[in-house]
PDB file of all heavy atoms in Angstrom:
ATOM      1  N   GLU A   1      -1.140 -14.083   6.546  1.00  0.00           N
ATOM      2  CA  GLU A   1      -2.039 -14.606   7.585  1.00  0.00           C
ATOM      3  C   GLU A   1      -3.346 -14.953   6.935  1.00  0.00           C
ATOM      4  O   GLU A   1      -3.696 -14.417   5.901  1.00  0.00           O
ATOM      5  CB  GLU A   1      -2.236 -13.618   8.698  1.00  0.00           C
ATOM      6  CG  GLU A   1      -2.990 -12.405   8.335  1.00  0.00           C
ATOM      7  CD  GLU A   1      -3.267 -11.455   9.523  1.00  0.00           C
ATOM      8  OE1 GLU A   1      -3.745 -11.932  10.565  1.00  0.00           O
ATOM      9  OE2 GLU A   1      -2.910 -10.249   9.352  1.00  0.00           O
ATOM     10  N   GLU A   2      -4.067 -15.923   7.532  1.00  0.00           N
ATOM     11  CA  GLU A   2      -5.375 -16.243   6.999  1.00  0.00           C
ATOM     12  C   GLU A   2      -6.367 -15.684   7.948  1.00  0.00           C
ATOM     13  O   GLU A   2      -6.304 -15.767   9.258  1.00  0.00           O
ATOM     14  CB  GLU A   2      -5.533 -17.775   6.953  1.00  0.00           C
ATOM     15  CG  GLU A   2      -6.739 -18.236   6.193  1.00  0.00           C
ATOM     16  CD  GLU A   2      -6.747 -19.652   5.772  1.00  0.00           C
ATOM     17  OE1 GLU A   2      -5.766 -20.367   6.050  1.00  0.00           O
ATOM     18  OE2 GLU A   2      -7.707 -20.091   5.139  1.00  0.00           O
ATOM     19  N   LYS A   3      -7.327 -14.936   7.388  1.00  0.00           N
ATOM     20  CA  LYS A   3      -8.377 -14.247   8.238  1.00  0.00           C
ATOM     21  C   LYS A   3      -9.664 -14.088   7.396  1.00  0.00           C
ATOM     22  O   LYS A   3      -9.604 -13.586   6.220  1.00  0.00           O
ATOM     23  CB  LYS A   3      -7.813 -12.866   8.560  1.00  0.00           C
ATOM     24  CG  LYS A   3      -8.529 -12.166   9.603  1.00  0.00           C
ATOM     25  CD  LYS A   3      -7.769 -10.799   9.899  1.00  0.00           C
ATOM     26  CE  LYS A   3      -8.411 -10.054  10.978  1.00  0.00           C
ATOM     27  NZ  LYS A   3      -7.646  -8.867  11.300  1.00  0.00           N
ATOM     28  N   ASN A   4     -10.752 -14.484   7.956  1.00  0.00           N
ATOM     29  CA  ASN A   4     -12.080 -14.317   7.373  1.00  0.00           C
ATOM     30  C   ASN A   4     -12.193 -14.885   5.951  1.00  0.00           C
ATOM     31  O   ASN A   4     -12.703 -14.218   5.048  1.00  0.00           O
ATOM     32  CB  ASN A   4     -12.478 -12.836   7.392  1.00  0.00           C
ATOM     33  CG  ASN A   4     -12.616 -12.316   8.798  1.00  0.00           C
ATOM     34  OD1 ASN A   4     -12.955 -12.980   9.708  1.00  0.00           O
ATOM     35  ND2 ASN A   4     -12.235 -11.017   8.949  1.00  0.00           N
ATOM     36  N   GLY A   5     -11.662 -16.046   5.706  1.00  0.00           N
ATOM     37  CA  GLY A   5     -11.712 -16.705   4.403  1.00  0.00           C
ATOM     38  C   GLY A   5     -10.833 -16.170   3.368  1.00  0.00           C
ATOM     39  O   GLY A   5     -10.930 -16.404   2.194  1.00  0.00           O
ATOM     40  N   GLU A   6      -9.840 -15.329   3.836  1.00  0.00           N
ATOM     41  CA  GLU A   6      -8.871 -14.729   2.894  1.00  0.00           C
ATOM     42  C   GLU A   6      -7.447 -14.995   3.398  1.00  0.00           C
ATOM     43  O   GLU A   6      -7.199 -15.072   4.560  1.00  0.00           O
ATOM     44  CB  GLU A   6      -9.088 -13.254   2.737  1.00  0.00           C
ATOM     45  CG  GLU A   6     -10.352 -12.851   2.140  1.00  0.00           C
ATOM     46  CD  GLU A   6     -10.483 -11.295   2.126  1.00  0.00           C
ATOM     47  OE1 GLU A   6     -10.243 -10.653   3.039  1.00  0.00           O
ATOM     48  OE2 GLU A   6     -10.856 -10.834   1.030  1.00  0.00           O
ATOM     49  N   ILE A   7      -6.514 -14.987   2.504  1.00  0.00           N
ATOM     50  CA  ILE A   7      -5.133 -15.028   2.847  1.00  0.00           C
ATOM     51  C   ILE A   7      -4.668 -13.566   2.577  1.00  0.00           C
ATOM     52  O   ILE A   7      -4.767 -13.069   1.466  1.00  0.00           O
ATOM     53  CB  ILE A   7      -4.292 -16.013   2.060  1.00  0.00           C
ATOM     54  CG1 ILE A   7      -4.894 -17.407   2.274  1.00  0.00           C
ATOM     55  CG2 ILE A   7      -2.858 -15.973   2.487  1.00  0.00           C
ATOM     56  CD1 ILE A   7      -4.325 -18.454   1.375  1.00  0.00           C
ATOM     57  N   ILE A   8      -4.011 -12.993   3.558  1.00  0.00           N
ATOM     58  CA  ILE A   8      -3.558 -11.597   3.464  1.00  0.00           C
ATOM     59  C   ILE A   8      -2.025 -11.722   3.419  1.00  0.00           C
ATOM     60  O   ILE A   8      -1.371 -12.247   4.333  1.00  0.00           O
ATOM     61  CB  ILE A   8      -3.955 -10.757   4.664  1.00  0.00           C
ATOM     62  CG1 ILE A   8      -5.503 -10.766   4.817  1.00  0.00           C
ATOM     63  CG2 ILE A   8      -3.372  -9.327   4.514  1.00  0.00           C
ATOM     64  CD1 ILE A   8      -6.003 -10.129   6.127  1.00  0.00           C
ATOM     65  N   PHE A   9      -1.427 -11.231   2.313  1.00  0.00           N
ATOM     66  CA  PHE A   9       0.029 -11.108   2.254  1.00  0.00           C
ATOM     67  C   PHE A   9       0.416  -9.702   2.419  1.00  0.00           C
ATOM     68  O   PHE A   9      -0.304  -8.708   1.890  1.00  0.00           O
ATOM     69  CB  PHE A   9       0.494 -11.608   0.819  1.00  0.00           C
ATOM     70  CG  PHE A   9       0.210 -13.060   0.556  1.00  0.00           C
ATOM     71  CD1 PHE A   9      -0.924 -13.495  -0.100  1.00  0.00           C
ATOM     72  CD2 PHE A   9       1.097 -14.059   0.979  1.00  0.00           C
ATOM     73  CE1 PHE A   9      -1.166 -14.828  -0.274  1.00  0.00           C
ATOM     74  CE2 PHE A   9       0.850 -15.382   0.786  1.00  0.00           C
ATOM     75  CZ  PHE A   9      -0.310 -15.756   0.157  1.00  0.00           C
ATOM     76  N   SER A  10       1.454  -9.452   3.051  1.00  0.00           N
ATOM     77  CA  SER A  10       1.962  -8.064   3.270  1.00  0.00           C
ATOM     78  C   SER A  10       3.454  -7.966   2.932  1.00  0.00           C
ATOM     79  O   SER A  10       4.202  -8.836   3.211  1.00  0.00           O
ATOM     80  CB  SER A  10       1.635  -7.580   4.654  1.00  0.00           C
ATOM     81  OG  SER A  10       2.323  -8.292   5.637  1.00  0.00           O
ATOM     82  N   VAL A  11       3.783  -6.832   2.438  1.00  0.00           N
ATOM     83  CA  VAL A  11       5.213  -6.446   2.237  1.00  0.00           C
ATOM     84  C   VAL A  11       5.411  -5.116   2.823  1.00  0.00           C
ATOM     85  O   VAL A  11       4.758  -4.138   2.491  1.00  0.00           O
ATOM     86  CB  VAL A  11       5.596  -6.353   0.649  1.00  0.00           C
ATOM     87  CG1 VAL A  11       7.004  -6.020   0.422  1.00  0.00           C
ATOM     88  CG2 VAL A  11       5.274  -7.778  -0.042  1.00  0.00           C
ATOM     89  N   LYS A  12       6.301  -5.115   3.823  1.00  0.00           N
ATOM     90  CA  LYS A  12       6.522  -3.985   4.652  1.00  0.00           C
ATOM     91  C   LYS A  12       8.020  -3.515   4.542  1.00  0.00           C
ATOM     92  O   LYS A  12       8.884  -4.318   4.447  1.00  0.00           O
ATOM     93  CB  LYS A  12       6.184  -4.311   6.119  1.00  0.00           C
ATOM     94  CG  LYS A  12       6.446  -3.166   7.126  1.00  0.00           C
ATOM     95  CD  LYS A  12       6.062  -3.660   8.549  1.00  0.00           C
ATOM     96  CE  LYS A  12       6.336  -2.504   9.497  1.00  0.00           C
ATOM     97  NZ  LYS A  12       6.082  -2.847  10.825  1.00  0.00           N
ATOM     98  N   ASP A  13       8.222  -2.150   4.458  1.00  0.00           N
ATOM     99  CA  ASP A  13       9.556  -1.624   4.387  1.00  0.00           C
ATOM    100  C   ASP A  13       9.679  -0.531   5.434  1.00  0.00           C
ATOM    101  O   ASP A  13       8.743  -0.013   5.972  1.00  0.00           O
ATOM    102  CB  ASP A  13       9.904  -1.198   3.049  1.00  0.00           C
ATOM    103  CG  ASP A  13       9.125  -0.020   2.612  1.00  0.00           C
ATOM    104  OD1 ASP A  13       9.338   1.100   3.129  1.00  0.00           O
ATOM    105  OD2 ASP A  13       8.350  -0.096   1.643  1.00  0.00           O
ATOM    106  N   ASN A  14      10.997  -0.175   5.734  1.00  0.00           N
ATOM    107  CA  ASN A  14      11.294   0.892   6.610  1.00  0.00           C
ATOM    108  C   ASN A  14      11.723   2.110   5.848  1.00  0.00           C
ATOM    109  O   ASN A  14      12.552   2.883   6.389  1.00  0.00           O
ATOM    110  CB  ASN A  14      12.374   0.443   7.634  1.00  0.00           C
ATOM    111  CG  ASN A  14      13.677   0.161   7.025  1.00  0.00           C
ATOM    112  OD1 ASN A  14      13.821  -0.006   5.826  1.00  0.00           O
ATOM    113  ND2 ASN A  14      14.762   0.128   7.865  1.00  0.00           N
ATOM    114  N   GLY A  15      11.265   2.326   4.655  1.00  0.00           N
ATOM    115  CA  GLY A  15      11.726   3.362   3.776  1.00  0.00           C
ATOM    116  C   GLY A  15      11.065   4.746   3.965  1.00  0.00           C
ATOM    117  O   GLY A  15      10.649   5.028   5.052  1.00  0.00           O
ATOM    118  N   VAL A  16      10.981   5.458   2.896  1.00  0.00           N
ATOM    119  CA  VAL A  16      10.528   6.858   2.944  1.00  0.00           C
ATOM    120  C   VAL A  16       9.035   6.947   3.202  1.00  0.00           C
ATOM    121  O   VAL A  16       8.565   8.012   3.609  1.00  0.00           O
ATOM    122  CB  VAL A  16      10.847   7.582   1.617  1.00  0.00           C
ATOM    123  CG1 VAL A  16      12.376   7.714   1.430  1.00  0.00           C
ATOM    124  CG2 VAL A  16      10.128   7.005   0.452  1.00  0.00           C
ATOM    125  N   GLY A  17       8.292   5.909   3.031  1.00  0.00           N
ATOM    126  CA  GLY A  17       6.853   5.906   3.281  1.00  0.00           C
ATOM    127  C   GLY A  17       6.102   6.899   2.396  1.00  0.00           C
ATOM    128  O   GLY A  17       6.631   7.328   1.374  1.00  0.00           O
ATOM    129  N   PHE A  18       4.922   7.219   2.785  1.00  0.00           N
ATOM    130  CA  PHE A  18       4.122   8.239   2.061  1.00  0.00           C
ATOM    131  C   PHE A  18       3.063   8.842   2.962  1.00  0.00           C
ATOM    132  O   PHE A  18       2.774   8.373   4.042  1.00  0.00           O
ATOM    133  CB  PHE A  18       3.378   7.591   0.854  1.00  0.00           C
ATOM    134  CG  PHE A  18       2.480   6.430   1.172  1.00  0.00           C
ATOM    135  CD1 PHE A  18       1.154   6.692   1.414  1.00  0.00           C
ATOM    136  CD2 PHE A  18       2.991   5.109   1.304  1.00  0.00           C
ATOM    137  CE1 PHE A  18       0.330   5.650   1.794  1.00  0.00           C
ATOM    138  CE2 PHE A  18       2.059   4.100   1.640  1.00  0.00           C
ATOM    139  CZ  PHE A  18       0.819   4.333   1.856  1.00  0.00           C
ATOM    140  N   ASP A  19       2.526   9.954   2.556  1.00  0.00           N
ATOM    141  CA  ASP A  19       1.526  10.669   3.273  1.00  0.00           C
ATOM    142  C   ASP A  19       0.181   9.906   2.969  1.00  0.00           C
ATOM    143  O   ASP A  19      -0.260   9.911   1.850  1.00  0.00           O
ATOM    144  CB  ASP A  19       1.461  12.120   2.831  1.00  0.00           C
ATOM    145  CG  ASP A  19       0.563  12.957   3.639  1.00  0.00           C
ATOM    146  OD1 ASP A  19      -0.448  12.499   4.157  1.00  0.00           O
ATOM    147  OD2 ASP A  19       0.842  14.203   3.741  1.00  0.00           O
ATOM    148  N   MET A  20      -0.509   9.482   4.061  1.00  0.00           N
ATOM    149  CA  MET A  20      -1.798   8.764   3.836  1.00  0.00           C
ATOM    150  C   MET A  20      -2.858   9.584   3.181  1.00  0.00           C
ATOM    151  O   MET A  20      -3.826   9.043   2.628  1.00  0.00           O
ATOM    152  CB  MET A  20      -2.331   8.186   5.167  1.00  0.00           C
ATOM    153  CG  MET A  20      -1.577   6.980   5.695  1.00  0.00           C
ATOM    154  SD  MET A  20      -1.780   5.545   4.652  1.00  0.00           S
ATOM    155  CE  MET A  20      -3.510   5.076   4.995  1.00  0.00           C
ATOM    156  N   ARG A  21      -2.712  10.945   3.202  1.00  0.00           N
ATOM    157  CA  ARG A  21      -3.686  11.708   2.425  1.00  0.00           C
ATOM    158  C   ARG A  21      -3.749  11.411   0.972  1.00  0.00           C
ATOM    159  O   ARG A  21      -4.741  11.758   0.321  1.00  0.00           O
ATOM    160  CB  ARG A  21      -3.373  13.271   2.610  1.00  0.00           C
ATOM    161  CG  ARG A  21      -3.606  13.730   4.114  1.00  0.00           C
ATOM    162  CD  ARG A  21      -3.324  15.191   4.195  1.00  0.00           C
ATOM    163  NE  ARG A  21      -1.877  15.408   3.847  1.00  0.00           N
ATOM    164  CZ  ARG A  21      -1.307  16.581   3.638  1.00  0.00           C
ATOM    165  NH1 ARG A  21      -2.023  17.717   3.575  1.00  0.00           N
ATOM    166  NH2 ARG A  21      -0.003  16.675   3.308  1.00  0.00           N
ATOM    167  N   PHE A  22      -2.711  10.806   0.493  1.00  0.00           N
ATOM    168  CA  PHE A  22      -2.555  10.570  -0.920  1.00  0.00           C
ATOM    169  C   PHE A  22      -2.654   9.053  -1.315  1.00  0.00           C
ATOM    170  O   PHE A  22      -2.312   8.664  -2.437  1.00  0.00           O
ATOM    171  CB  PHE A  22      -1.262  11.185  -1.518  1.00  0.00           C
ATOM    172  CG  PHE A  22      -1.165  12.647  -1.227  1.00  0.00           C
ATOM    173  CD1 PHE A  22      -0.285  13.169  -0.343  1.00  0.00           C
ATOM    174  CD2 PHE A  22      -2.050  13.584  -1.944  1.00  0.00           C
ATOM    175  CE1 PHE A  22      -0.182  14.441  -0.037  1.00  0.00           C
ATOM    176  CE2 PHE A  22      -1.924  14.892  -1.625  1.00  0.00           C
ATOM    177  CZ  PHE A  22      -0.983  15.384  -0.700  1.00  0.00           C
ATOM    178  N   VAL A  23      -2.997   8.232  -0.327  1.00  0.00           N
ATOM    179  CA  VAL A  23      -3.085   6.821  -0.509  1.00  0.00           C
ATOM    180  C   VAL A  23      -3.943   6.441  -1.695  1.00  0.00           C
ATOM    181  O   VAL A  23      -3.709   5.447  -2.458  1.00  0.00           O
ATOM    182  CB  VAL A  23      -3.495   6.113   0.741  1.00  0.00           C
ATOM    183  CG1 VAL A  23      -4.996   6.355   1.084  1.00  0.00           C
ATOM    184  CG2 VAL A  23      -3.204   4.568   0.636  1.00  0.00           C
ATOM    185  N   HIS A  24      -4.952   7.214  -2.002  1.00  0.00           N
ATOM    186  CA  HIS A  24      -5.948   6.853  -3.102  1.00  0.00           C
ATOM    187  C   HIS A  24      -5.188   6.984  -4.481  1.00  0.00           C
ATOM    188  O   HIS A  24      -5.752   6.363  -5.435  1.00  0.00           O
ATOM    189  CB  HIS A  24      -7.096   7.894  -3.080  1.00  0.00           C
ATOM    190  CG  HIS A  24      -6.759   9.279  -3.226  1.00  0.00           C
ATOM    191  ND1 HIS A  24      -6.272  10.049  -2.175  1.00  0.00           N
ATOM    192  CD2 HIS A  24      -6.777  10.074  -4.286  1.00  0.00           C
ATOM    193  CE1 HIS A  24      -5.961  11.222  -2.619  1.00  0.00           C
ATOM    194  NE2 HIS A  24      -6.331  11.299  -3.941  1.00  0.00           N
ATOM    195  N   LYS A  25      -4.068   7.610  -4.538  1.00  0.00           N
ATOM    196  CA  LYS A  25      -3.335   7.759  -5.833  1.00  0.00           C
ATOM    197  C   LYS A  25      -2.442   6.641  -6.124  1.00  0.00           C
ATOM    198  O   LYS A  25      -1.996   6.398  -7.199  1.00  0.00           O
ATOM    199  CB  LYS A  25      -2.536   9.048  -5.823  1.00  0.00           C
ATOM    200  CG  LYS A  25      -3.313  10.307  -5.856  1.00  0.00           C
ATOM    201  CD  LYS A  25      -2.345  11.525  -5.935  1.00  0.00           C
ATOM    202  CE  LYS A  25      -3.095  12.738  -6.354  1.00  0.00           C
ATOM    203  NZ  LYS A  25      -2.211  13.823  -6.807  1.00  0.00           N
ATOM    204  N   LEU A  26      -2.124   5.843  -5.110  1.00  0.00           N
ATOM    205  CA  LEU A  26      -1.094   4.807  -5.183  1.00  0.00           C
ATOM    206  C   LEU A  26      -1.265   3.786  -6.336  1.00  0.00           C
ATOM    207  O   LEU A  26      -0.375   3.321  -6.983  1.00  0.00           O
ATOM    208  CB  LEU A  26      -0.875   4.035  -3.893  1.00  0.00           C
ATOM    209  CG  LEU A  26      -0.114   4.726  -2.848  1.00  0.00           C
ATOM    210  CD1 LEU A  26      -0.121   3.892  -1.552  1.00  0.00           C
ATOM    211  CD2 LEU A  26       1.323   5.026  -3.248  1.00  0.00           C
ATOM    212  N   PHE A  27      -2.504   3.382  -6.482  1.00  0.00           N
ATOM    213  CA  PHE A  27      -2.784   2.231  -7.364  1.00  0.00           C
ATOM    214  C   PHE A  27      -3.317   2.708  -8.710  1.00  0.00           C
ATOM    215  O   PHE A  27      -3.742   1.948  -9.547  1.00  0.00           O
ATOM    216  CB  PHE A  27      -3.817   1.229  -6.693  1.00  0.00           C
ATOM    217  CG  PHE A  27      -3.226   0.652  -5.478  1.00  0.00           C
ATOM    218  CD1 PHE A  27      -3.535   1.092  -4.240  1.00  0.00           C
ATOM    219  CD2 PHE A  27      -2.274  -0.374  -5.541  1.00  0.00           C
ATOM    220  CE1 PHE A  27      -2.983   0.574  -3.086  1.00  0.00           C
ATOM    221  CE2 PHE A  27      -1.684  -0.915  -4.438  1.00  0.00           C
ATOM    222  CZ  PHE A  27      -2.034  -0.450  -3.198  1.00  0.00           C
ATOM    223  N   GLY A  28      -3.204   4.029  -8.951  1.00  0.00           N
ATOM    224  CA  GLY A  28      -3.590   4.604 -10.246  1.00  0.00           C
ATOM    225  C   GLY A  28      -2.456   4.499 -11.233  1.00  0.00           C
ATOM    226  O   GLY A  28      -1.261   4.603 -10.839  1.00  0.00           O
ATOM    227  N   ILE A  29      -2.762   4.384 -12.559  1.00  0.00           N
ATOM    228  CA  ILE A  29      -1.714   4.287 -13.509  1.00  0.00           C
ATOM    229  C   ILE A  29      -0.936   5.610 -13.666  1.00  0.00           C
ATOM    230  O   ILE A  29      -1.636   6.683 -13.645  1.00  0.00           O
ATOM    231  CB  ILE A  29      -2.217   3.775 -14.835  1.00  0.00           C
ATOM    232  CG1 ILE A  29      -1.070   3.332 -15.743  1.00  0.00           C
ATOM    233  CG2 ILE A  29      -3.168   4.703 -15.546  1.00  0.00           C
ATOM    234  CD1 ILE A  29      -1.426   2.391 -16.860  1.00  0.00           C
ATOM    235  N   PHE A  30       0.338   5.607 -13.747  1.00  0.00           N
ATOM    236  CA  PHE A  30       1.206   6.751 -13.849  1.00  0.00           C
ATOM    237  C   PHE A  30       1.089   7.705 -12.684  1.00  0.00           C
ATOM    238  O   PHE A  30       1.471   8.879 -12.767  1.00  0.00           O
ATOM    239  CB  PHE A  30       0.996   7.514 -15.133  1.00  0.00           C
ATOM    240  CG  PHE A  30       1.156   6.677 -16.358  1.00  0.00           C
ATOM    241  CD1 PHE A  30       0.138   6.537 -17.308  1.00  0.00           C
ATOM    242  CD2 PHE A  30       2.364   5.978 -16.644  1.00  0.00           C
ATOM    243  CE1 PHE A  30       0.243   5.765 -18.444  1.00  0.00           C
ATOM    244  CE2 PHE A  30       2.495   5.133 -17.800  1.00  0.00           C
ATOM    245  CZ  PHE A  30       1.461   5.112 -18.675  1.00  0.00           C
ATOM    246  N   GLN A  31       0.639   7.205 -11.524  1.00  0.00           N
ATOM    247  CA  GLN A  31       0.603   8.042 -10.293  1.00  0.00           C
ATOM    248  C   GLN A  31       1.837   7.816  -9.521  1.00  0.00           C
ATOM    249  O   GLN A  31       2.224   6.705  -9.222  1.00  0.00           O
ATOM    250  CB  GLN A  31      -0.641   7.699  -9.459  1.00  0.00           C
ATOM    251  CG  GLN A  31      -2.003   7.961 -10.129  1.00  0.00           C
ATOM    252  CD  GLN A  31      -2.150   9.469 -10.333  1.00  0.00           C
ATOM    253  OE1 GLN A  31      -1.981  10.284  -9.446  1.00  0.00           O
ATOM    254  NE2 GLN A  31      -2.682   9.817 -11.530  1.00  0.00           N
ATOM    255  N   ARG A  32       2.477   8.918  -9.089  1.00  0.00           N
ATOM    256  CA  ARG A  32       3.721   8.796  -8.312  1.00  0.00           C
ATOM    257  C   ARG A  32       3.562   9.802  -7.090  1.00  0.00           C
ATOM    258  O   ARG A  32       3.140  10.867  -7.299  1.00  0.00           O
ATOM    259  CB  ARG A  32       4.860   9.190  -9.147  1.00  0.00           C
ATOM    260  CG  ARG A  32       5.228   8.251 -10.373  1.00  0.00           C
ATOM    261  CD  ARG A  32       6.479   8.668 -11.023  1.00  0.00           C
ATOM    262  NE  ARG A  32       7.581   8.839 -10.153  1.00  0.00           N
ATOM    263  CZ  ARG A  32       8.481   7.918  -9.867  1.00  0.00           C
ATOM    264  NH1 ARG A  32       8.415   6.718 -10.429  1.00  0.00           N
ATOM    265  NH2 ARG A  32       9.452   8.123  -9.012  1.00  0.00           N
ATOM    266  N   LEU A  33       4.056   9.328  -5.929  1.00  0.00           N
ATOM    267  CA  LEU A  33       4.047  10.146  -4.795  1.00  0.00           C
ATOM    268  C   LEU A  33       5.396  10.723  -4.420  1.00  0.00           C
ATOM    269  O   LEU A  33       5.523  11.533  -3.612  1.00  0.00           O
ATOM    270  CB  LEU A  33       3.517   9.421  -3.563  1.00  0.00           C
ATOM    271  CG  LEU A  33       2.022   8.841  -3.692  1.00  0.00           C
ATOM    272  CD1 LEU A  33       1.573   8.228  -2.407  1.00  0.00           C
ATOM    273  CD2 LEU A  33       1.077   9.969  -4.131  1.00  0.00           C
ATOM    274  N   HIS A  34       6.383  10.284  -5.181  1.00  0.00           N
ATOM    275  CA  HIS A  34       7.827  10.635  -4.892  1.00  0.00           C
ATOM    276  C   HIS A  34       8.336  11.110  -6.208  1.00  0.00           C
ATOM    277  O   HIS A  34       8.024  10.670  -7.270  1.00  0.00           O
ATOM    278  CB  HIS A  34       8.682   9.547  -4.333  1.00  0.00           C
ATOM    279  CG  HIS A  34       8.106   9.074  -2.992  1.00  0.00           C
ATOM    280  ND1 HIS A  34       8.266   9.803  -1.816  1.00  0.00           N
ATOM    281  CD2 HIS A  34       7.457   7.922  -2.625  1.00  0.00           C
ATOM    282  CE1 HIS A  34       7.665   9.162  -0.834  1.00  0.00           C
ATOM    283  NE2 HIS A  34       7.175   8.035  -1.306  1.00  0.00           N
TER     284      HIS A  34
END
């Protein structure tokens, strides 16, 4: 979708998900939540 001068792309799944308390770890190198 286009919003506020940006294009937002999303990839959504119905899988195992994750606990939002650890969202800050997702984009760190060698960080795994599972």
